[in-house]
């Protein structure tokens, strides 16, 4: 557990992660009204988590959504290696009734598929969820996933591999911080997001001219957003979610 309240499970970090943490802190402060709702939860045991994750991984792996995602990711990667998967703001995953259980299951399946480094950040983990992250996830990997100091470290493959950041139903300021920190052609070309799907015809007020989040607004114009198919088992888990990316081969003038 870091001083800012985040549970950090990772092998390698990247530059710009502090901005990501700051964005999460802002989100956490703005959602203080959810504390009462959290108190109503019945937290799952370690056994509950293991059972829920195992079930969710099976359900996700067999779904048309995940089959679609694998095909689309391969096309976006186009022979490049996926070196890092970062999961930001996943939510609870201690029961089959939590959206975060299926979201984390998808990320774990992608980690297995691509043998990628893994970075998990979530401010509201229960004690048993933290224990599962430290014990089960670490035991299932040949490398040390738990960085006790919580200090971001630069990936050895930072310039050679792609980085997948998963921020399903993430706040706009978090999208902005990620994109702003990567707003260079070479860096943005290696970034893949699983994030909010926003239609060009229904822009929220904070992305209209002049936008409150300029990097996010520019990315909506130059990037490609491919909406996820429905996940029938738990529709809300991936509702309004997209695979988003930009590649230098798209051409055109890169906006500064």
C-alpha atoms as a PDB file:
ATOM      1  CA  UNK A   1       0.000   0.000   0.000  1.00  0.00           C
ATOM      2  CA  UNK A   2       1.419   3.370  -0.982  1.00  0.00           C
ATOM      3  CA  UNK A   3       1.109   6.552   1.063  1.00  0.00           C
ATOM      4  CA  UNK A   4      -1.572   7.866  -1.312  1.00  0.00           C
ATOM      5  CA  UNK A   5      -3.814   4.896  -0.577  1.00  0.00           C
ATOM      6  CA  UNK A   6      -3.136   2.944  -3.745  1.00  0.00           C
ATOM      7  CA  UNK A   7      -2.472  -0.740  -3.913  1.00  0.00           C
ATOM      8  CA  UNK A   8       0.429  -1.160  -6.304  1.00  0.00           C
ATOM      9  CA  UNK A   9       1.188  -4.482  -7.970  1.00  0.00           C
ATOM     10  CA  UNK A  10       3.763  -4.217 -10.704  1.00  0.00           C
ATOM     11  CA  UNK A  11       7.032  -5.321 -12.239  1.00  0.00           C
ATOM     12  CA  UNK A  12       8.080  -2.182 -14.024  1.00  0.00           C
ATOM     13  CA  UNK A  13       6.665   1.329 -14.163  1.00  0.00           C
ATOM     14  CA  UNK A  14       6.999   4.143 -16.664  1.00  0.00           C
ATOM     15  CA  UNK A  15       7.620   7.858 -16.690  1.00  0.00           C
ATOM     16  CA  UNK A  16       4.463   9.843 -16.154  1.00  0.00           C
ATOM     17  CA  UNK A  17       2.934   7.439 -13.630  1.00  0.00           C
ATOM     18  CA  UNK A  18       2.937  10.144 -10.965  1.00  0.00           C
ATOM     19  CA  UNK A  19       0.523  12.167 -13.071  1.00  0.00           C
ATOM     20  CA  UNK A  20      -1.693   9.115 -13.262  1.00  0.00           C
ATOM     21  CA  UNK A  21      -1.646   8.778  -9.479  1.00  0.00           C
ATOM     22  CA  UNK A  22      -2.491  12.464  -9.044  1.00  0.00           C
ATOM     23  CA  UNK A  23      -5.467  12.099 -11.371  1.00  0.00           C
ATOM     24  CA  UNK A  24      -6.718   9.169  -9.316  1.00  0.00           C
ATOM     25  CA  UNK A  25      -6.346  11.180  -6.128  1.00  0.00           C
ATOM     26  CA  UNK A  26      -8.539  13.899  -7.628  1.00  0.00           C
ATOM     27  CA  UNK A  27     -11.131  11.318  -8.602  1.00  0.00           C
ATOM     28  CA  UNK A  28     -11.065   9.764  -5.163  1.00  0.00           C
ATOM     29  CA  UNK A  29     -11.614  13.164  -3.532  1.00  0.00           C
ATOM     30  CA  UNK A  30     -14.532  13.933  -5.849  1.00  0.00           C
ATOM     31  CA  UNK A  31     -16.348  10.700  -5.040  1.00  0.00           C
ATOM     32  CA  UNK A  32     -16.502  11.022  -1.260  1.00  0.00           C
ATOM     33  CA  UNK A  33     -20.245  10.486  -1.496  1.00  0.00           C
ATOM     34  CA  UNK A  34     -19.635   6.868  -2.405  1.00  0.00           C
ATOM     35  CA  UNK A  35     -18.304   6.070   1.082  1.00  0.00           C
ATOM     36  CA  UNK A  36     -21.759   5.143   2.356  1.00  0.00           C
ATOM     37  CA  UNK A  37     -22.214   2.793  -0.579  1.00  0.00           C
ATOM     38  CA  UNK A  38     -18.858   1.155   0.174  1.00  0.00           C
ATOM     39  CA  UNK A  39     -19.964   0.521   3.756  1.00  0.00           C
ATOM     40  CA  UNK A  40     -22.934  -1.460   2.452  1.00  0.00           C
ATOM     41  CA  UNK A  41     -20.717  -3.913   0.585  1.00  0.00           C
ATOM     42  CA  UNK A  42     -20.149  -7.412   1.921  1.00  0.00           C
ATOM     43  CA  UNK A  43     -16.462  -7.929   1.278  1.00  0.00           C
ATOM     44  CA  UNK A  44     -15.480 -11.255  -0.230  1.00  0.00           C
ATOM     45  CA  UNK A  45     -13.030 -13.672   1.352  1.00  0.00           C
ATOM     46  CA  UNK A  46      -9.815 -14.875  -0.269  1.00  0.00           C
ATOM     47  CA  UNK A  47     -11.661 -18.020  -1.349  1.00  0.00           C
ATOM     48  CA  UNK A  48     -14.478 -15.900  -2.813  1.00  0.00           C
ATOM     49  CA  UNK A  49     -11.956 -13.907  -4.853  1.00  0.00           C
ATOM     50  CA  UNK A  50     -10.209 -16.997  -6.188  1.00  0.00           C
ATOM     51  CA  UNK A  51     -13.522 -18.537  -7.188  1.00  0.00           C
ATOM     52  CA  UNK A  52     -14.800 -15.321  -8.784  1.00  0.00           C
ATOM     53  CA  UNK A  53     -11.607 -14.645 -10.774  1.00  0.00           C
ATOM     54  CA  UNK A  54     -11.396 -18.238 -12.020  1.00  0.00           C
ATOM     55  CA  UNK A  55     -15.024 -18.149 -13.138  1.00  0.00           C
ATOM     56  CA  UNK A  56     -14.669 -14.712 -14.728  1.00  0.00           C
ATOM     57  CA  UNK A  57     -11.530 -15.662 -16.658  1.00  0.00           C
ATOM     58  CA  UNK A  58     -13.376 -18.650 -18.105  1.00  0.00           C
ATOM     59  CA  UNK A  59     -16.430 -16.558 -19.024  1.00  0.00           C
ATOM     60  CA  UNK A  60     -14.344 -13.797 -20.623  1.00  0.00           C
ATOM     61  CA  UNK A  61     -12.057 -16.176 -22.500  1.00  0.00           C
ATOM     62  CA  UNK A  62     -15.038 -17.965 -24.076  1.00  0.00           C
ATOM     63  CA  UNK A  63     -16.831 -14.750 -25.032  1.00  0.00           C
ATOM     64  CA  UNK A  64     -17.133 -13.255 -28.503  1.00  0.00           C
ATOM     65  CA  UNK A  65     -15.953  -9.984 -26.996  1.00  0.00           C
ATOM     66  CA  UNK A  66     -12.563 -11.408 -26.028  1.00  0.00           C
ATOM     67  CA  UNK A  67     -12.180 -13.185 -29.353  1.00  0.00           C
ATOM     68  CA  UNK A  68     -12.838  -9.848 -31.059  1.00  0.00           C
ATOM     69  CA  UNK A  69     -10.346  -8.076 -28.780  1.00  0.00           C
ATOM     70  CA  UNK A  70      -7.551 -10.549 -29.541  1.00  0.00           C
ATOM     71  CA  UNK A  71      -8.040 -10.101 -33.282  1.00  0.00           C
ATOM     72  CA  UNK A  72      -8.129  -6.314 -33.025  1.00  0.00           C
ATOM     73  CA  UNK A  73      -5.088  -6.130 -30.754  1.00  0.00           C
ATOM     74  CA  UNK A  74      -3.047  -8.259 -33.135  1.00  0.00           C
ATOM     75  CA  UNK A  75      -3.956  -5.910 -35.958  1.00  0.00           C
ATOM     76  CA  UNK A  76      -3.038  -2.818 -33.945  1.00  0.00           C
ATOM     77  CA  UNK A  77       0.241  -4.330 -32.745  1.00  0.00           C
ATOM     78  CA  UNK A  78       1.111  -5.395 -36.300  1.00  0.00           C
ATOM     79  CA  UNK A  79       4.033  -7.554 -35.206  1.00  0.00           C
ATOM     80  CA  UNK A  80       5.160  -5.299 -32.362  1.00  0.00           C
ATOM     81  CA  UNK A  81       5.529  -6.668 -28.830  1.00  0.00           C
ATOM     82  CA  UNK A  82       3.113  -5.728 -26.060  1.00  0.00           C
ATOM     83  CA  UNK A  83       5.533  -5.079 -23.219  1.00  0.00           C
ATOM     84  CA  UNK A  84       3.352  -3.554 -20.499  1.00  0.00           C
ATOM     85  CA  UNK A  85      -0.256  -3.733 -19.328  1.00  0.00           C
ATOM     86  CA  UNK A  86      -1.342  -1.080 -16.821  1.00  0.00           C
ATOM     87  CA  UNK A  87      -4.707  -1.387 -15.072  1.00  0.00           C
ATOM     88  CA  UNK A  88      -5.972   1.852 -13.527  1.00  0.00           C
ATOM     89  CA  UNK A  89      -9.114   2.154 -11.417  1.00  0.00           C
ATOM     90  CA  UNK A  90     -10.352  -1.415 -11.853  1.00  0.00           C
ATOM     91  CA  UNK A  91     -12.695  -1.423  -8.855  1.00  0.00           C
ATOM     92  CA  UNK A  92     -13.597  -4.372  -6.634  1.00  0.00           C
ATOM     93  CA  UNK A  93     -13.137  -7.941  -7.861  1.00  0.00           C
ATOM     94  CA  UNK A  94     -14.156 -10.054  -4.874  1.00  0.00           C
ATOM     95  CA  UNK A  95     -17.427 -11.434  -6.240  1.00  0.00           C
ATOM     96  CA  UNK A  96     -19.048 -12.458  -9.541  1.00  0.00           C
ATOM     97  CA  UNK A  97     -21.397  -9.478  -9.139  1.00  0.00           C
ATOM     98  CA  UNK A  98     -18.649  -6.849  -9.496  1.00  0.00           C
ATOM     99  CA  UNK A  99     -17.845  -5.388 -12.923  1.00  0.00           C
ATOM    100  CA  UNK A 100     -14.205  -5.158 -11.859  1.00  0.00           C
ATOM    101  CA  UNK A 101     -13.995  -8.950 -11.569  1.00  0.00           C
ATOM    102  CA  UNK A 102     -14.538  -9.352 -15.312  1.00  0.00           C
ATOM    103  CA  UNK A 103     -12.388  -6.356 -16.201  1.00  0.00           C
ATOM    104  CA  UNK A 104      -9.469  -7.749 -14.208  1.00  0.00           C
ATOM    105  CA  UNK A 105     -10.086 -11.214 -15.680  1.00  0.00           C
ATOM    106  CA  UNK A 106      -9.715  -9.755 -19.179  1.00  0.00           C
ATOM    107  CA  UNK A 107      -6.442  -8.073 -18.204  1.00  0.00           C
ATOM    108  CA  UNK A 108      -5.070 -11.271 -16.667  1.00  0.00           C
ATOM    109  CA  UNK A 109      -5.903 -13.192 -19.837  1.00  0.00           C
ATOM    110  CA  UNK A 110      -4.088 -10.570 -21.920  1.00  0.00           C
ATOM    111  CA  UNK A 111      -1.089 -10.763 -19.579  1.00  0.00           C
ATOM    112  CA  UNK A 112      -0.954 -14.517 -20.065  1.00  0.00           C
ATOM    113  CA  UNK A 113      -1.369 -14.209 -23.813  1.00  0.00           C
ATOM    114  CA  UNK A 114       1.353 -11.597 -24.324  1.00  0.00           C
ATOM    115  CA  UNK A 115       3.583 -12.422 -21.325  1.00  0.00           C
ATOM    116  CA  UNK A 116       3.590  -8.699 -20.597  1.00  0.00           C
ATOM    117  CA  UNK A 117       4.739  -6.801 -17.541  1.00  0.00           C
ATOM    118  CA  UNK A 118       1.827  -5.901 -15.278  1.00  0.00           C
ATOM    119  CA  UNK A 119       1.013  -2.740 -13.337  1.00  0.00           C
ATOM    120  CA  UNK A 120      -2.134  -2.603 -11.169  1.00  0.00           C
ATOM    121  CA  UNK A 121      -3.361   0.523  -9.368  1.00  0.00           C
ATOM    122  CA  UNK A 122      -6.633   0.785  -7.461  1.00  0.00           C
ATOM    123  CA  UNK A 123      -7.488   3.055  -4.486  1.00  0.00           C
ATOM    124  CA  UNK A 124     -10.367   1.042  -3.002  1.00  0.00           C
ATOM    125  CA  UNK A 125      -9.063  -2.522  -2.633  1.00  0.00           C
ATOM    126  CA  UNK A 126     -10.278  -4.483   0.387  1.00  0.00           C
ATOM    127  CA  UNK A 127      -7.820  -6.243   2.681  1.00  0.00           C
ATOM    128  CA  UNK A 128      -8.591  -9.588   1.022  1.00  0.00           C
ATOM    129  CA  UNK A 129      -8.201  -8.125  -2.478  1.00  0.00           C
ATOM    130  CA  UNK A 130      -4.790  -6.760  -1.488  1.00  0.00           C
ATOM    131  CA  UNK A 131      -3.857 -10.158  -0.086  1.00  0.00           C
ATOM    132  CA  UNK A 132      -4.912 -11.884  -3.305  1.00  0.00           C
ATOM    133  CA  UNK A 133      -2.865  -9.434  -5.397  1.00  0.00           C
ATOM    134  CA  UNK A 134       0.204  -9.958  -3.241  1.00  0.00           C
ATOM    135  CA  UNK A 135      -0.127 -13.714  -2.816  1.00  0.00           C
ATOM    136  CA  UNK A 136      -1.915 -15.343  -5.745  1.00  0.00           C
ATOM    137  CA  UNK A 137      -0.916 -13.003  -8.533  1.00  0.00           C
ATOM    138  CA  UNK A 138       2.698 -12.935  -7.383  1.00  0.00           C
ATOM    139  CA  UNK A 139       2.860 -16.725  -6.954  1.00  0.00           C
ATOM    140  CA  UNK A 140       1.573 -17.235 -10.494  1.00  0.00           C
ATOM    141  CA  UNK A 141       4.414 -15.223 -12.028  1.00  0.00           C
ATOM    142  CA  UNK A 142       8.109 -15.948 -12.319  1.00  0.00           C
ATOM    143  CA  UNK A 143       8.964 -12.315 -11.527  1.00  0.00           C
ATOM    144  CA  UNK A 144       8.410 -10.142  -8.471  1.00  0.00           C
ATOM    145  CA  UNK A 145       5.169  -8.261  -9.060  1.00  0.00           C
ATOM    146  CA  UNK A 146       5.070  -6.455  -5.730  1.00  0.00           C
ATOM    147  CA  UNK A 147       7.144  -3.280  -5.531  1.00  0.00           C
ATOM    148  CA  UNK A 148       7.159  -2.489  -1.816  1.00  0.00           C
ATOM    149  CA  UNK A 149       8.533   1.038  -2.341  1.00  0.00           C
ATOM    150  CA  UNK A 150       5.922   1.870  -4.952  1.00  0.00           C
ATOM    151  CA  UNK A 151       8.415   3.905  -6.975  1.00  0.00           C
ATOM    152  CA  UNK A 152       7.852   4.057 -10.745  1.00  0.00           C
ATOM    153  CA  UNK A 153      10.673   2.524 -12.728  1.00  0.00           C
ATOM    154  CA  UNK A 154      11.326   2.949 -16.423  1.00  0.00           C
ATOM    155  CA  UNK A 155      10.676  -0.175 -18.471  1.00  0.00           C
ATOM    156  CA  UNK A 156      13.706  -1.623 -20.215  1.00  0.00           C
ATOM    157  CA  UNK A 157      11.558  -2.008 -23.324  1.00  0.00           C
ATOM    158  CA  UNK A 158      10.022   1.473 -23.153  1.00  0.00           C
ATOM    159  CA  UNK A 159      11.042   2.459 -26.684  1.00  0.00           C
ATOM    160  CA  UNK A 160      10.696  -0.981 -28.248  1.00  0.00           C
ATOM    161  CA  UNK A 161       7.312  -2.267 -27.083  1.00  0.00           C
ATOM    162  CA  UNK A 162       3.729  -1.106 -26.950  1.00  0.00           C
ATOM    163  CA  UNK A 163       2.017  -0.139 -23.703  1.00  0.00           C
ATOM    164  CA  UNK A 164      -1.632  -1.079 -23.093  1.00  0.00           C
ATOM    165  CA  UNK A 165      -3.385   1.084 -20.501  1.00  0.00           C
ATOM    166  CA  UNK A 166      -6.770  -0.140 -19.287  1.00  0.00           C
ATOM    167  CA  UNK A 167      -8.950   2.569 -17.717  1.00  0.00           C
ATOM    168  CA  UNK A 168     -12.478   1.317 -18.254  1.00  0.00           C
ATOM    169  CA  UNK A 169     -15.053   3.944 -17.225  1.00  0.00           C
ATOM    170  CA  UNK A 170     -12.139   6.201 -16.244  1.00  0.00           C
ATOM    171  CA  UNK A 171     -12.520   9.900 -15.523  1.00  0.00           C
ATOM    172  CA  UNK A 172     -11.702  12.467 -18.216  1.00  0.00           C
ATOM    173  CA  UNK A 173      -8.801  14.013 -16.288  1.00  0.00           C
ATOM    174  CA  UNK A 174      -7.097  10.623 -16.157  1.00  0.00           C
ATOM    175  CA  UNK A 175      -7.399  10.236 -19.935  1.00  0.00           C
ATOM    176  CA  UNK A 176      -5.979  13.752 -20.283  1.00  0.00           C
ATOM    177  CA  UNK A 177      -2.946  13.114 -18.070  1.00  0.00           C
ATOM    178  CA  UNK A 178      -2.039   9.900 -19.864  1.00  0.00           C
ATOM    179  CA  UNK A 179      -2.350  11.413 -23.326  1.00  0.00           C
ATOM    180  CA  UNK A 180      -0.617  14.661 -22.370  1.00  0.00           C
ATOM    181  CA  UNK A 181       2.383  12.772 -20.991  1.00  0.00           C
ATOM    182  CA  UNK A 182       2.649  10.750 -24.225  1.00  0.00           C
ATOM    183  CA  UNK A 183       1.886  13.549 -26.709  1.00  0.00           C
ATOM    184  CA  UNK A 184       4.769  12.851 -29.097  1.00  0.00           C
ATOM    185  CA  UNK A 185       4.404  10.863 -32.323  1.00  0.00           C
ATOM    186  CA  UNK A 186       6.846   8.097 -31.349  1.00  0.00           C
ATOM    187  CA  UNK A 187       5.369   7.728 -27.866  1.00  0.00           C
ATOM    188  CA  UNK A 188       1.711   7.936 -28.867  1.00  0.00           C
ATOM    189  CA  UNK A 189       2.309   5.383 -31.618  1.00  0.00           C
ATOM    190  CA  UNK A 190       3.222   2.832 -28.942  1.00  0.00           C
ATOM    191  CA  UNK A 191       0.229   3.573 -26.717  1.00  0.00           C
ATOM    192  CA  UNK A 192      -2.966   1.499 -26.810  1.00  0.00           C
ATOM    193  CA  UNK A 193      -5.941   2.332 -24.608  1.00  0.00           C
ATOM    194  CA  UNK A 194      -8.957   0.386 -23.453  1.00  0.00           C
ATOM    195  CA  UNK A 195     -11.009   3.353 -22.354  1.00  0.00           C
ATOM    196  CA  UNK A 196     -14.263   5.286 -22.652  1.00  0.00           C
ATOM    197  CA  UNK A 197     -16.013   5.214 -26.009  1.00  0.00           C
ATOM    198  CA  UNK A 198     -17.126   8.713 -26.989  1.00  0.00           C
ATOM    199  CA  UNK A 199     -19.058   9.378 -30.177  1.00  0.00           C
ATOM    200  CA  UNK A 200     -17.983  12.283 -32.392  1.00  0.00           C
ATOM    201  CA  UNK A 201     -21.635  13.279 -32.649  1.00  0.00           C
ATOM    202  CA  UNK A 202     -22.202  13.408 -28.887  1.00  0.00           C
ATOM    203  CA  UNK A 203     -19.166  15.125 -27.385  1.00  0.00           C
ATOM    204  CA  UNK A 204     -19.517  15.939 -23.685  1.00  0.00           C
ATOM    205  CA  UNK A 205     -19.202  19.653 -22.804  1.00  0.00           C
ATOM    206  CA  UNK A 206     -15.663  19.303 -21.420  1.00  0.00           C
ATOM    207  CA  UNK A 207     -14.372  18.189 -24.844  1.00  0.00           C
ATOM    208  CA  UNK A 208     -16.079  20.854 -26.953  1.00  0.00           C
ATOM    209  CA  UNK A 209     -14.209  23.966 -28.133  1.00  0.00           C
ATOM    210  CA  UNK A 210     -12.469  25.263 -26.167  1.00  0.00           C
ATOM    211  CA  UNK A 211     -11.936  21.878 -24.479  1.00  0.00           C
ATOM    212  CA  UNK A 212     -11.211  21.534 -20.786  1.00  0.00           C
ATOM    213  CA  UNK A 213      -8.960  18.580 -21.661  1.00  0.00           C
ATOM    214  CA  UNK A 214      -7.088  19.541 -24.857  1.00  0.00           C
ATOM    215  CA  UNK A 215      -4.962  16.403 -25.292  1.00  0.00           C
ATOM    216  CA  UNK A 216      -8.026  14.192 -24.873  1.00  0.00           C
ATOM    217  CA  UNK A 217      -9.972  16.322 -27.374  1.00  0.00           C
ATOM    218  CA  UNK A 218      -7.151  16.170 -29.946  1.00  0.00           C
ATOM    219  CA  UNK A 219      -6.845  12.411 -29.530  1.00  0.00           C
ATOM    220  CA  UNK A 220     -10.545  12.009 -30.279  1.00  0.00           C
ATOM    221  CA  UNK A 221      -9.936  13.729 -33.614  1.00  0.00           C
ATOM    222  CA  UNK A 222      -6.812  11.830 -34.734  1.00  0.00           C
ATOM    223  CA  UNK A 223      -7.185   8.473 -32.989  1.00  0.00           C
ATOM    224  CA  UNK A 224      -9.329   5.479 -33.819  1.00  0.00           C
ATOM    225  CA  UNK A 225     -11.927   4.215 -31.369  1.00  0.00           C
ATOM    226  CA  UNK A 226     -13.352   0.725 -31.879  1.00  0.00           C
ATOM    227  CA  UNK A 227     -16.294   0.010 -29.607  1.00  0.00           C
ATOM    228  CA  UNK A 228     -16.297  -3.272 -27.688  1.00  0.00           C
ATOM    229  CA  UNK A 229     -18.944  -5.849 -28.578  1.00  0.00           C
ATOM    230  CA  UNK A 230     -21.453  -6.662 -25.870  1.00  0.00           C
ATOM    231  CA  UNK A 231     -20.298  -8.955 -23.076  1.00  0.00           C
ATOM    232  CA  UNK A 232     -23.504 -10.832 -22.326  1.00  0.00           C
ATOM    233  CA  UNK A 233     -22.459 -12.257 -18.957  1.00  0.00           C
ATOM    234  CA  UNK A 234     -22.021  -8.816 -17.385  1.00  0.00           C
ATOM    235  CA  UNK A 235     -23.136  -6.086 -19.784  1.00  0.00           C
ATOM    236  CA  UNK A 236     -22.145  -3.112 -17.638  1.00  0.00           C
ATOM    237  CA  UNK A 237     -18.553  -4.300 -17.231  1.00  0.00           C
ATOM    238  CA  UNK A 238     -17.558  -3.246 -20.756  1.00  0.00           C
ATOM    239  CA  UNK A 239     -20.412  -0.926 -21.702  1.00  0.00           C
ATOM    240  CA  UNK A 240     -19.342   2.195 -23.616  1.00  0.00           C
ATOM    241  CA  UNK A 241     -15.778   0.882 -23.802  1.00  0.00           C
ATOM    242  CA  UNK A 242     -13.437   1.137 -26.772  1.00  0.00           C
ATOM    243  CA  UNK A 243     -10.045   0.027 -28.008  1.00  0.00           C
ATOM    244  CA  UNK A 244      -8.337   3.314 -28.902  1.00  0.00           C
ATOM    245  CA  UNK A 245      -5.031   4.001 -30.635  1.00  0.00           C
ATOM    246  CA  UNK A 246      -3.124   6.236 -33.047  1.00  0.00           C
ATOM    247  CA  UNK A 247      -0.434   5.132 -35.486  1.00  0.00           C
ATOM    248  CA  UNK A 248       2.062   7.211 -37.421  1.00  0.00           C
ATOM    249  CA  UNK A 249       1.017   5.432 -40.588  1.00  0.00           C
ATOM    250  CA  UNK A 250      -2.334   7.231 -40.405  1.00  0.00           C
ATOM    251  CA  UNK A 251      -0.491  10.213 -41.879  1.00  0.00           C
ATOM    252  CA  UNK A 252      -1.543  13.834 -41.680  1.00  0.00           C
ATOM    253  CA  UNK A 253      -0.096  16.610 -39.551  1.00  0.00           C
ATOM    254  CA  UNK A 254       0.414  15.687 -35.916  1.00  0.00           C
ATOM    255  CA  UNK A 255      -1.282  18.360 -33.754  1.00  0.00           C
ATOM    256  CA  UNK A 256       0.996  20.089 -31.269  1.00  0.00           C
END
